């Protein structure tokens, strides 16, 4: 796990952004591309577009990946002045329906607090 901004990125144990052999696929890859757009390039609108496309294309992705994408999308929405509540609500639903663990609970709590502070 790495922290980036006010959200947490979840990775398989032992993986990293720089390890080409361990690159994620599917929605995980879309999250990584969105993070490069939003964090490295500062193009939050493009990052949202990448996440939206990824969430539609990989709607059958594991719940933890959908959760991660929704939390990052909520952060991007906050950055752009948009309403993050729908993304946080969807992430909360995923958390309630699946056992995503303590790290996911902490990430959700931090995301909700950040939205309340904005």
Protein backbone atom coordinates (compact mmCIF):
# COMPACT_ATOMS: atom_id res chain seq x y z
CA UNK A 1 0.00 0.00 0.00
CA UNK A 2 1.17 3.50 -0.83
CA UNK A 3 -0.36 6.75 0.16
CA UNK A 4 -0.96 9.40 -2.47
CA UNK A 5 -2.66 12.61 -1.50
CA UNK A 6 -5.56 11.90 0.83
CA UNK A 7 -6.29 8.43 -0.48
CA UNK A 8 -4.71 5.03 -0.28
CA UNK A 9 -3.63 2.91 -3.20
CA UNK A 10 -3.78 -0.84 -2.68
CA UNK A 11 -1.25 -3.06 -4.43
CA UNK A 12 -0.47 -6.73 -4.33
CA UNK A 13 2.19 -7.49 -1.75
CA UNK A 14 5.62 -6.85 -3.19
CA UNK A 15 4.48 -4.79 -6.19
CA UNK A 16 5.42 -1.26 -7.08
CA UNK A 17 4.63 1.36 -9.70
CA UNK A 18 8.11 1.06 -11.16
CA UNK A 19 8.21 -2.74 -11.52
CA UNK A 20 7.15 -3.41 -15.12
CA UNK A 21 6.76 -7.14 -14.46
CA UNK A 22 4.23 -6.49 -11.71
CA UNK A 23 1.98 -4.02 -13.52
CA UNK A 24 -1.69 -4.42 -12.79
CA UNK A 25 -4.28 -5.09 -15.43
CA UNK A 26 -7.96 -4.25 -15.85
CA UNK A 27 -9.36 -1.71 -13.44
CA UNK A 28 -6.14 -1.69 -11.43
CA UNK A 29 -4.28 -0.50 -14.51
CA UNK A 30 -6.93 2.16 -15.15
CA UNK A 31 -6.43 3.40 -11.58
CA UNK A 32 -2.67 3.60 -12.16
CA UNK A 33 -3.16 5.54 -15.41
CA UNK A 34 -5.63 7.88 -13.70
CA UNK A 35 -3.14 8.48 -10.89
CA UNK A 36 -0.48 9.46 -13.41
CA UNK A 37 -2.92 11.87 -15.07
CA UNK A 38 -4.24 13.36 -11.83
CA UNK A 39 -1.21 13.33 -9.55
CA UNK A 40 1.79 13.55 -11.85
CA UNK A 41 0.31 15.69 -14.63
CA UNK A 42 -2.31 17.59 -12.65
CA UNK A 43 -5.03 16.77 -15.18
CA UNK A 44 -7.84 15.87 -12.79
CA UNK A 45 -10.54 15.95 -15.47
CA UNK A 46 -8.66 13.43 -17.60
CA UNK A 47 -8.06 11.25 -14.54
CA UNK A 48 -11.81 11.24 -13.84
CA UNK A 49 -12.49 10.28 -17.45
CA UNK A 50 -10.01 7.39 -17.22
CA UNK A 51 -11.62 6.13 -13.99
CA UNK A 52 -15.13 6.45 -15.43
CA UNK A 53 -14.13 4.43 -18.49
CA UNK A 54 -12.39 1.85 -16.31
CA UNK A 55 -15.35 1.47 -13.97
CA UNK A 56 -17.66 0.90 -16.94
CA UNK A 57 -15.32 -1.41 -18.85
CA UNK A 58 -14.31 -3.49 -15.82
CA UNK A 59 -17.61 -3.53 -13.94
CA UNK A 60 -16.84 -7.11 -12.87
CA UNK A 61 -13.52 -6.12 -11.26
CA UNK A 62 -12.89 -7.28 -7.69
CA UNK A 63 -14.72 -5.19 -5.07
CA UNK A 64 -11.45 -3.87 -3.60
CA UNK A 65 -10.43 -2.45 -6.99
CA UNK A 66 -13.83 -0.82 -7.53
CA UNK A 67 -13.60 0.55 -3.98
CA UNK A 68 -10.14 1.99 -4.66
CA UNK A 69 -11.30 3.55 -7.94
CA UNK A 70 -14.32 5.14 -6.29
CA UNK A 71 -12.28 6.62 -3.45
CA UNK A 72 -9.77 8.09 -5.88
CA UNK A 73 -12.61 9.41 -8.03
CA UNK A 74 -14.08 11.06 -4.90
CA UNK A 75 -10.74 12.74 -4.23
CA UNK A 76 -10.54 13.97 -7.81
CA UNK A 77 -14.10 15.28 -7.61
CA UNK A 78 -13.20 17.23 -4.49
CA UNK A 79 -10.13 18.67 -6.22
CA UNK A 80 -12.25 19.90 -9.12
CA UNK A 81 -15.03 21.28 -6.91
CA UNK A 82 -17.50 18.58 -7.95
CA UNK A 83 -19.70 16.60 -5.57
CA UNK A 84 -17.85 13.57 -4.18
CA UNK A 85 -20.89 12.25 -2.29
CA UNK A 86 -22.06 9.78 -5.00
CA UNK A 87 -18.60 8.19 -5.18
CA UNK A 88 -18.31 7.98 -1.41
CA UNK A 89 -21.80 6.49 -1.16
CA UNK A 90 -20.93 3.83 -3.75
CA UNK A 91 -17.67 3.06 -1.93
CA UNK A 92 -19.56 2.81 1.37
CA UNK A 93 -22.00 0.36 -0.21
CA UNK A 94 -19.14 -1.80 -1.51
CA UNK A 95 -17.53 -1.71 1.92
CA UNK A 96 -20.79 -2.73 3.60
CA UNK A 97 -21.46 -5.58 1.13
CA UNK A 98 -17.94 -7.08 1.10
CA UNK A 99 -15.34 -7.72 3.75
CA UNK A 100 -12.68 -5.32 2.49
CA UNK A 101 -10.63 -5.14 5.67
CA UNK A 102 -9.34 -2.60 8.15
CA UNK A 103 -7.20 -0.71 5.61
CA UNK A 104 -10.24 -0.13 3.42
CA UNK A 105 -12.24 1.04 6.43
CA UNK A 106 -9.49 3.51 7.33
CA UNK A 107 -9.30 4.76 3.74
CA UNK A 108 -13.06 5.29 3.63
CA UNK A 109 -13.03 7.14 6.94
CA UNK A 110 -10.22 9.42 5.75
CA UNK A 111 -12.02 10.09 2.45
CA UNK A 112 -15.27 10.99 4.19
CA UNK A 113 -13.45 13.27 6.64
CA UNK A 114 -11.61 14.98 3.76
CA UNK A 115 -14.92 15.59 1.99
CA UNK A 116 -16.46 17.03 5.15
CA UNK A 117 -13.45 19.35 5.57
CA UNK A 118 -13.70 20.69 2.02
